[in-house]
Amino acid sequence: MLRIVIELVKYETIIVRQARREIRRWTATATAIPDPRLRETATCAIDVDASNAEAAAAFAVMAPRPLTRVAVELLVGYQVLLDYVDALGERVCADRVLRGLAIGMALTAACARPSAPLALDPLGDDGGYLAALVTACRARLWQLPSAAAVEQQARAAAERCAQALAYTHAAATLGASDDLRDWTAAQHATTGYRWWEIAAGGNSDLAILALLAAAADPATTTVDAAAVAAAYWPHVCVLSTLLDSLVDYERDTTTENFSFVSRYPEHAAMQEGLIHATERSLAATARLRHHHAHAMIVYGVACYYASAATPGSIAAHVAPPVVATLGPMAAPIIVALRARHRLQVPWAQ
């Protein structure tokens, strides 16, 4: 428990400040995009999802101190890229799966070596914004000592995420989930999860972020990378997106967003599914190198969404038993996160 507290202090006192600087840098780049539709999509994605980029930087607690800044820049850049690709898929090409899959290739390209060909379709005149994100991620990843050890697993996780995003956007827009269900049936190592839980996990980039962070550790091997990939996919990935969907449950009923948790037949089943994913996430990450940092990620994910639950909402009813699965450490984290919400600490500071 003490190690988790130390990791949290490092994140709040050092990493958050560096992450916000990177977010501001990418915001400035996005505002210079020539195409007005792409500019609005990029700037809105950062504005709405800045907390995602700030949270992604938490994985940098695993980096040695001399590599912390590079790791933060990589993790924030990748999350900004993911949120932009997600927004493009939702706003620009949601009704065209092939186009969504094509734009998703940027997620895989960002994990490739700097010398690899860069063949991207930015969907218009973005002033080189998409290419800049991909190039920056590549450059920073390959400054890290174990980039080669995580490359294969990171690219596989990125490809899976890109596919899931494209099929999910199409399902939401076209109102048919057959292709998404077929995609989930083809995924490996998903025993014990329902099809919508697998689809939810596919939409998460936590496995990619965990692998990118592992590249900062000089001792990381291909075996370690495979263990990280197996712990996060599907367990932690499923947990994070289901909780996100839970918090958005009421809002999603009034939009075209694809609601994963609405697929449960009843609230009790929803709660059972989330507890199951939580338990498996804790068990899987406990066997990893830097297991305290990975435990902090699981705690942080669960407590972040629990603290964001609106009183009287489905999340306020379902989340407490899920958080109780984490044990006594969860309570002070939720208190701290709720205080953060009340203070409304802006990322731009």
Protein backbone atom coordinates (compact mmCIF):
# COMPACT_ATOMS: atom_id res chain seq x y z
CA MET A 1 0.00 0.00 0.00
CA LEU A 2 2.86 2.40 0.83
CA ARG A 3 4.36 1.84 -2.63
CA ILE A 4 1.05 2.75 -4.25
CA VAL A 5 0.90 5.97 -2.21
CA ILE A 6 4.45 6.83 -3.31
CA GLU A 7 3.52 6.27 -6.95
CA LEU A 8 0.45 8.50 -6.54
CA VAL A 9 2.56 11.29 -5.02
CA LYS A 10 5.04 11.07 -7.93
CA TYR A 11 2.18 11.32 -10.36
CA GLU A 12 0.52 14.31 -8.71
CA THR A 13 3.68 16.31 -7.99
CA ILE A 14 5.81 15.66 -11.08
CA ILE A 15 4.01 13.89 -13.89
CA VAL A 16 0.77 15.90 -13.99
CA ARG A 17 2.70 19.14 -14.52
CA GLN A 18 4.67 17.65 -17.41
CA ALA A 19 1.52 16.15 -18.93
CA ARG A 20 -0.29 19.48 -18.92
CA ARG A 21 2.61 21.10 -20.70
CA GLU A 22 2.38 18.49 -23.46
CA ILE A 23 -1.39 18.91 -23.73
CA ARG A 24 -0.93 22.65 -24.21
CA ARG A 25 1.68 22.01 -26.89
CA TRP A 26 -0.60 19.73 -28.91
CA THR A 27 -3.49 22.15 -28.46
CA ALA A 28 -1.43 24.90 -30.05
CA THR A 29 -0.56 22.59 -32.95
CA ALA A 30 -4.19 21.59 -33.42
CA THR A 31 -5.39 25.20 -33.61
CA ALA A 32 -3.18 25.69 -36.70
CA ILE A 33 -4.92 22.97 -38.76
CA PRO A 34 -6.07 24.59 -42.04
CA ASP A 35 -9.23 22.52 -42.64
CA PRO A 36 -11.91 24.00 -40.33
CA ARG A 37 -13.71 20.68 -39.80
CA LEU A 38 -10.51 18.84 -38.91
CA ARG A 39 -9.36 21.75 -36.77
CA GLU A 40 -12.60 21.70 -34.80
CA THR A 41 -12.42 17.91 -34.44
CA ALA A 42 -8.83 18.03 -33.17
CA THR A 43 -9.24 20.92 -30.76
CA CYS A 44 -12.54 19.57 -29.43
CA ALA A 45 -11.00 16.12 -28.90
CA ILE A 46 -8.26 17.64 -26.75
CA ASP A 47 -10.60 19.97 -24.90
CA VAL A 48 -13.16 17.26 -24.09
CA ASP A 49 -10.67 14.46 -23.41
CA ALA A 50 -7.73 16.32 -21.87
CA SER A 51 -8.29 14.34 -18.67
CA ASN A 52 -7.64 11.17 -20.69
CA ALA A 53 -4.20 12.43 -21.71
CA GLU A 54 -3.43 13.52 -18.16
CA ALA A 55 -4.50 10.11 -16.85
CA ALA A 56 -2.48 8.29 -19.54
CA ALA A 57 0.65 9.95 -18.19
CA ALA A 58 0.18 8.01 -14.93
CA PHE A 59 1.89 5.06 -16.59
CA ALA A 60 5.11 7.11 -16.50
CA VAL A 61 5.49 6.29 -12.79
CA MET A 62 7.18 3.12 -14.05
CA ALA A 63 9.90 5.07 -15.87
CA PRO A 64 13.30 5.70 -14.28
CA ARG A 65 13.65 9.36 -13.31
CA PRO A 66 15.95 10.31 -16.25
CA LEU A 67 13.35 8.94 -18.70
CA THR A 68 10.21 10.25 -17.03
CA ARG A 69 9.81 13.27 -19.30
CA VAL A 70 10.26 11.23 -22.50
CA ALA A 71 7.76 8.68 -21.20
CA VAL A 72 5.22 11.41 -20.36
CA GLU A 73 5.60 12.99 -23.80
CA LEU A 74 5.09 9.60 -25.44
CA LEU A 75 2.06 8.65 -23.36
CA VAL A 76 0.33 12.03 -23.68
CA GLY A 77 1.06 12.18 -27.41
CA TYR A 78 -0.34 8.71 -27.94
CA GLN A 79 -3.50 9.46 -25.99
CA VAL A 80 -4.03 12.71 -27.94
CA LEU A 81 -3.58 10.66 -31.12
CA LEU A 82 -6.08 8.03 -29.94
CA ASP A 83 -8.67 10.64 -28.99
CA TYR A 84 -8.25 12.36 -32.38
CA VAL A 85 -8.56 9.09 -34.31
CA ASP A 86 -11.60 8.23 -32.20
CA ALA A 87 -13.18 11.63 -32.94
CA LEU A 88 -12.47 11.30 -36.66
CA GLY A 89 -14.04 7.86 -36.68
CA GLU A 90 -17.12 9.16 -34.90
CA ARG A 91 -17.60 12.44 -36.76
CA VAL A 92 -16.11 11.96 -40.23
CA CYS A 93 -16.34 8.32 -41.27
CA ALA A 94 -18.57 6.50 -38.77
CA ASP A 95 -20.75 5.09 -41.56
CA ARG A 96 -17.79 3.74 -43.53
CA VAL A 97 -15.98 0.93 -41.73
CA LEU A 98 -13.15 0.71 -44.25
CA ARG A 99 -12.43 4.43 -43.87
CA GLY A 100 -12.50 4.07 -40.11
CA LEU A 101 -10.08 1.16 -40.28
CA ALA A 102 -7.80 3.19 -42.54
CA ILE A 103 -7.62 6.18 -40.20
CA GLY A 104 -7.04 3.77 -37.33
CA MET A 105 -3.80 2.66 -38.96
CA ALA A 106 -2.25 5.76 -37.40
CA LEU A 107 -2.43 4.02 -34.00
CA THR A 108 -0.31 1.14 -35.28
CA ALA A 109 2.03 3.43 -37.21
CA ALA A 110 2.80 5.36 -34.03
CA CYS A 111 4.39 2.22 -32.54
CA ALA A 112 6.61 1.52 -35.56
CA ARG A 113 10.27 2.37 -35.91
CA PRO A 114 11.07 5.96 -36.97
CA SER A 115 12.42 4.74 -40.31
CA ALA A 116 9.22 2.87 -41.24
CA PRO A 117 7.17 4.31 -44.13
CA LEU A 118 4.50 6.79 -43.08
CA ALA A 119 1.39 6.17 -45.20
CA LEU A 120 -1.52 8.02 -43.61
CA ASP A 121 -4.76 9.47 -44.94
CA PRO A 122 -5.51 12.55 -42.79
CA LEU A 123 -8.99 12.89 -44.39
CA GLY A 124 -8.21 16.44 -45.55
CA ASP A 125 -5.74 19.26 -45.11
CA ASP A 126 -4.70 18.91 -41.49
CA GLY A 127 -1.43 20.77 -41.96
CA GLY A 128 0.50 17.62 -41.06
CA TYR A 129 -1.14 17.27 -37.63
CA LEU A 130 -1.81 13.52 -37.81
CA ALA A 131 1.66 12.83 -39.18
CA ALA A 132 3.19 15.02 -36.47
CA LEU A 133 1.46 13.03 -33.73
CA VAL A 134 2.57 9.71 -35.20
CA THR A 135 6.13 10.91 -35.81
CA ALA A 136 6.43 12.33 -32.29
CA CYS A 137 5.24 9.07 -30.73
CA ARG A 138 7.70 7.06 -32.82
CA ALA A 139 10.60 9.33 -31.94
CA ARG A 140 9.95 9.19 -28.22
CA LEU A 141 9.22 5.46 -28.12
CA TRP A 142 12.52 4.67 -29.78
CA GLN A 143 14.41 6.87 -27.34
CA LEU A 144 13.42 4.35 -24.67
CA PRO A 145 15.73 1.41 -23.94
CA SER A 146 13.22 -1.45 -24.36
CA ALA A 147 11.27 -0.22 -27.38
CA ALA A 148 12.25 -3.28 -29.40
CA ALA A 149 11.03 -5.60 -26.63
CA VAL A 150 7.51 -4.14 -26.63
CA GLU A 151 7.18 -3.33 -30.34
CA GLN A 152 5.34 -6.46 -31.48
CA GLN A 153 2.87 -6.49 -28.59
CA ALA A 154 2.24 -2.74 -28.80
CA ARG A 155 1.51 -2.87 -32.52
CA ALA A 156 -0.85 -5.83 -32.07
CA ALA A 157 -2.71 -4.01 -29.30
CA ALA A 158 -2.91 -0.85 -31.43
CA GLU A 159 -4.31 -2.77 -34.40
CA ARG A 160 -6.95 -4.36 -32.17
CA CYS A 161 -7.95 -0.98 -30.75
CA ALA A 162 -8.22 0.59 -34.21
CA GLN A 163 -10.47 -2.21 -35.40
CA ALA A 164 -12.71 -2.05 -32.34
CA LEU A 165 -13.13 1.71 -32.67
CA ALA A 166 -14.10 1.46 -36.34
CA TYR A 167 -16.61 -1.33 -35.82
CA THR A 168 -18.09 0.34 -32.74
CA HIS A 169 -18.60 3.68 -34.50
CA ALA A 170 -20.25 1.88 -37.42
CA ALA A 171 -22.51 -0.05 -35.06
CA ALA A 172 -23.60 3.15 -33.32
CA THR A 173 -24.24 5.04 -36.55
CA LEU A 174 -25.85 2.29 -38.61
CA GLY A 175 -27.77 0.74 -35.72
CA ALA A 176 -26.49 -2.78 -36.43
CA SER A 177 -23.91 -4.57 -34.30
CA ASP A 178 -23.46 -7.77 -36.35
CA ASP A 179 -20.01 -6.79 -37.65
CA LEU A 180 -18.92 -5.75 -34.16
CA ARG A 181 -20.15 -9.04 -32.71
CA ASP A 182 -18.30 -10.96 -35.44
CA TRP A 183 -15.15 -9.02 -34.59
CA THR A 184 -15.41 -9.92 -30.90
CA ALA A 185 -15.86 -13.60 -31.76
CA ALA A 186 -12.51 -13.54 -33.58
CA GLN A 187 -10.56 -12.15 -30.59
CA HIS A 188 -8.27 -14.42 -28.60
CA ALA A 189 -7.87 -14.89 -24.83
CA THR A 190 -11.34 -13.58 -24.00
CA THR A 191 -12.85 -16.59 -22.21
CA GLY A 192 -15.35 -15.57 -19.54
CA TYR A 193 -16.38 -12.29 -21.15
CA ARG A 194 -19.57 -11.49 -23.06
CA TRP A 195 -19.38 -10.08 -26.57
CA TRP A 196 -20.14 -6.49 -25.53
CA GLU A 197 -17.52 -6.71 -22.78
CA ILE A 198 -14.93 -7.78 -25.36
CA ALA A 199 -16.04 -4.95 -27.63
CA ALA A 200 -15.67 -2.52 -24.73
CA GLY A 201 -12.17 -3.77 -23.99
CA GLY A 202 -11.21 -3.36 -27.63
CA ASN A 203 -12.04 0.34 -27.46
CA SER A 204 -9.53 0.90 -24.65
CA ASP A 205 -5.89 1.82 -25.31
CA LEU A 206 -4.70 0.96 -21.78
CA ALA A 207 -2.86 -2.14 -23.03
CA ILE A 208 -0.96 0.02 -25.52
CA LEU A 209 -0.11 2.63 -22.90
CA ALA A 210 1.09 -0.01 -20.45
CA LEU A 211 3.38 -1.47 -23.12
CA LEU A 212 4.74 1.94 -24.11
CA ALA A 213 5.51 2.63 -20.46
CA ALA A 214 7.25 -0.75 -20.15
CA ALA A 215 9.61 0.38 -22.90
CA ALA A 216 11.11 2.89 -20.45
CA ASP A 217 12.38 0.09 -18.20
CA PRO A 218 15.79 -1.17 -19.41
CA ALA A 219 15.05 -4.58 -17.88
CA THR A 220 11.85 -5.20 -19.87
CA THR A 221 12.04 -8.31 -22.05
CA THR A 222 9.75 -9.71 -24.72
CA VAL A 223 8.45 -12.10 -22.05
CA ASP A 224 7.62 -9.14 -19.80
CA ALA A 225 5.89 -7.39 -22.69
CA ALA A 226 3.77 -10.47 -23.38
CA ALA A 227 2.81 -10.62 -19.69
CA VAL A 228 1.75 -6.96 -19.69
CA ALA A 229 -0.28 -7.47 -22.86
CA ALA A 230 -2.03 -10.53 -21.36
CA ALA A 231 -2.85 -8.71 -18.11
CA TYR A 232 -4.36 -5.65 -19.74
CA TRP A 233 -6.11 -7.47 -22.56
CA PRO A 234 -8.82 -8.11 -21.93
CA HIS A 235 -9.11 -7.56 -18.18
CA VAL A 236 -8.06 -3.96 -17.45
CA CYS A 237 -9.23 -2.81 -20.87
CA VAL A 238 -12.69 -4.29 -20.29
CA LEU A 239 -12.92 -2.72 -16.84
CA SER A 240 -11.96 0.78 -17.97
CA THR A 241 -14.37 1.06 -20.90
CA LEU A 242 -17.27 -0.57 -19.05
CA LEU A 243 -16.87 1.94 -16.22
CA ASP A 244 -16.71 4.79 -18.71
CA SER A 245 -19.89 3.46 -20.33
CA LEU A 246 -21.51 3.12 -16.90
CA VAL A 247 -20.90 6.76 -15.99
CA ASP A 248 -22.31 7.82 -19.39
CA TYR A 249 -25.31 5.48 -19.18
CA GLU A 250 -28.01 8.15 -18.85
CA ARG A 251 -26.41 10.49 -21.38
CA ASP A 252 -26.00 7.71 -23.95
CA THR A 253 -29.73 7.03 -23.92
CA THR A 254 -30.26 10.42 -25.57
CA THR A 255 -27.45 10.14 -28.15
CA GLU A 256 -26.26 7.79 -30.87
CA ASN A 257 -23.30 6.68 -28.75
CA PHE A 258 -22.82 2.93 -28.45
CA SER A 259 -23.62 1.96 -24.85
CA PHE A 260 -21.82 -1.19 -23.77
CA VAL A 261 -23.42 -1.51 -20.33
CA SER A 262 -26.94 -1.20 -21.75
CA ARG A 263 -26.43 -4.69 -23.21
CA TYR A 264 -26.70 -6.23 -19.75
CA PRO A 265 -30.19 -7.65 -19.13
CA GLU A 266 -30.40 -6.05 -15.68
CA HIS A 267 -28.43 -3.87 -13.28
CA ALA A 268 -27.43 -6.85 -11.14
CA ALA A 269 -25.77 -8.47 -14.16
CA MET A 270 -24.05 -5.18 -14.93
CA GLN A 271 -22.64 -5.04 -11.44
CA GLU A 272 -21.58 -8.68 -11.59
CA GLY A 273 -19.75 -8.08 -14.89
CA LEU A 274 -17.86 -5.10 -13.50
CA ILE A 275 -16.86 -6.93 -10.31
CA HIS A 276 -15.68 -9.86 -12.40
CA ALA A 277 -13.49 -7.58 -14.54
CA THR A 278 -12.13 -5.84 -11.43
CA GLU A 279 -11.15 -9.07 -9.74
CA ARG A 280 -9.46 -10.41 -12.85
CA SER A 281 -7.64 -7.11 -13.40
CA LEU A 282 -6.21 -7.14 -9.88
CA ALA A 283 -5.15 -10.78 -10.15
CA ALA A 284 -3.55 -10.35 -13.58
CA THR A 285 -1.56 -7.21 -12.76
CA ALA A 286 -0.33 -8.62 -9.43
CA ARG A 287 2.04 -10.90 -11.36
CA LEU A 288 3.70 -8.14 -13.39
CA ARG A 289 6.95 -6.29 -12.92
CA HIS A 290 6.16 -2.92 -11.30
CA HIS A 291 3.01 -4.57 -9.96
CA HIS A 292 2.49 -1.71 -7.49
CA ALA A 293 2.31 0.78 -10.34
CA HIS A 294 -0.08 -1.46 -12.28
CA ALA A 295 -2.23 -1.82 -9.15
CA MET A 296 -2.29 1.98 -8.93
CA ILE A 297 -3.62 2.08 -12.50
CA VAL A 298 -6.43 -0.37 -11.69
CA TYR A 299 -7.30 1.51 -8.50
CA GLY A 300 -7.14 4.81 -10.34
CA VAL A 301 -9.39 3.65 -13.18
CA ALA A 302 -12.07 2.26 -10.88
CA CYS A 303 -11.97 5.13 -8.40
CA TYR A 304 -11.91 7.83 -11.08
CA TYR A 305 -15.19 6.67 -12.56
CA ALA A 306 -16.73 5.95 -9.16
CA SER A 307 -15.92 9.48 -8.04
CA ALA A 308 -17.49 10.88 -11.23
CA ALA A 309 -20.83 9.12 -10.67
CA THR A 310 -23.75 11.55 -10.45
CA PRO A 311 -25.95 11.09 -7.35
CA GLY A 312 -29.07 9.13 -8.25
CA SER A 313 -27.53 7.70 -11.43
CA ILE A 314 -27.11 4.03 -12.31
CA ALA A 315 -23.37 4.46 -11.73
CA ALA A 316 -23.97 5.71 -8.18
CA HIS A 317 -25.89 2.49 -7.53
CA VAL A 318 -23.62 0.02 -9.33
CA ALA A 319 -20.14 1.44 -8.64
CA PRO A 320 -19.84 1.14 -4.81
CA PRO A 321 -19.79 -2.70 -4.70
CA VAL A 322 -17.29 -2.64 -7.57
CA VAL A 323 -15.01 -0.27 -5.66
CA ALA A 324 -15.41 -2.40 -2.53
CA THR A 325 -13.71 -5.20 -4.47
CA LEU A 326 -10.53 -3.10 -4.41
CA GLY A 327 -10.32 -3.14 -0.61
CA PRO A 328 -9.59 -0.33 1.92
CA MET A 329 -7.09 1.51 -0.30
CA ALA A 330 -9.92 2.66 -2.58
CA ALA A 331 -11.61 4.96 -0.04
CA PRO A 332 -8.87 7.63 0.27
CA ILE A 333 -8.32 7.63 -3.50
CA ILE A 334 -12.01 8.34 -4.13
CA VAL A 335 -11.98 11.12 -1.53
CA ALA A 336 -8.98 12.72 -3.26
CA LEU A 337 -10.55 12.41 -6.70
CA ARG A 338 -13.85 13.87 -5.54
CA ALA A 339 -11.94 16.81 -4.06
CA ARG A 340 -10.24 17.26 -7.42
CA HIS A 341 -13.63 17.28 -9.16
CA ARG A 342 -14.98 19.88 -6.73
CA LEU A 343 -11.93 22.09 -7.16
CA GLN A 344 -12.22 21.64 -10.94
CA VAL A 345 -8.45 21.75 -11.40
CA PRO A 346 -8.00 22.69 -15.07
CA TRP A 347 -5.50 20.82 -17.20
CA ALA A 348 -4.36 24.07 -18.81
CA GLN A 349 -2.80 25.43 -15.62
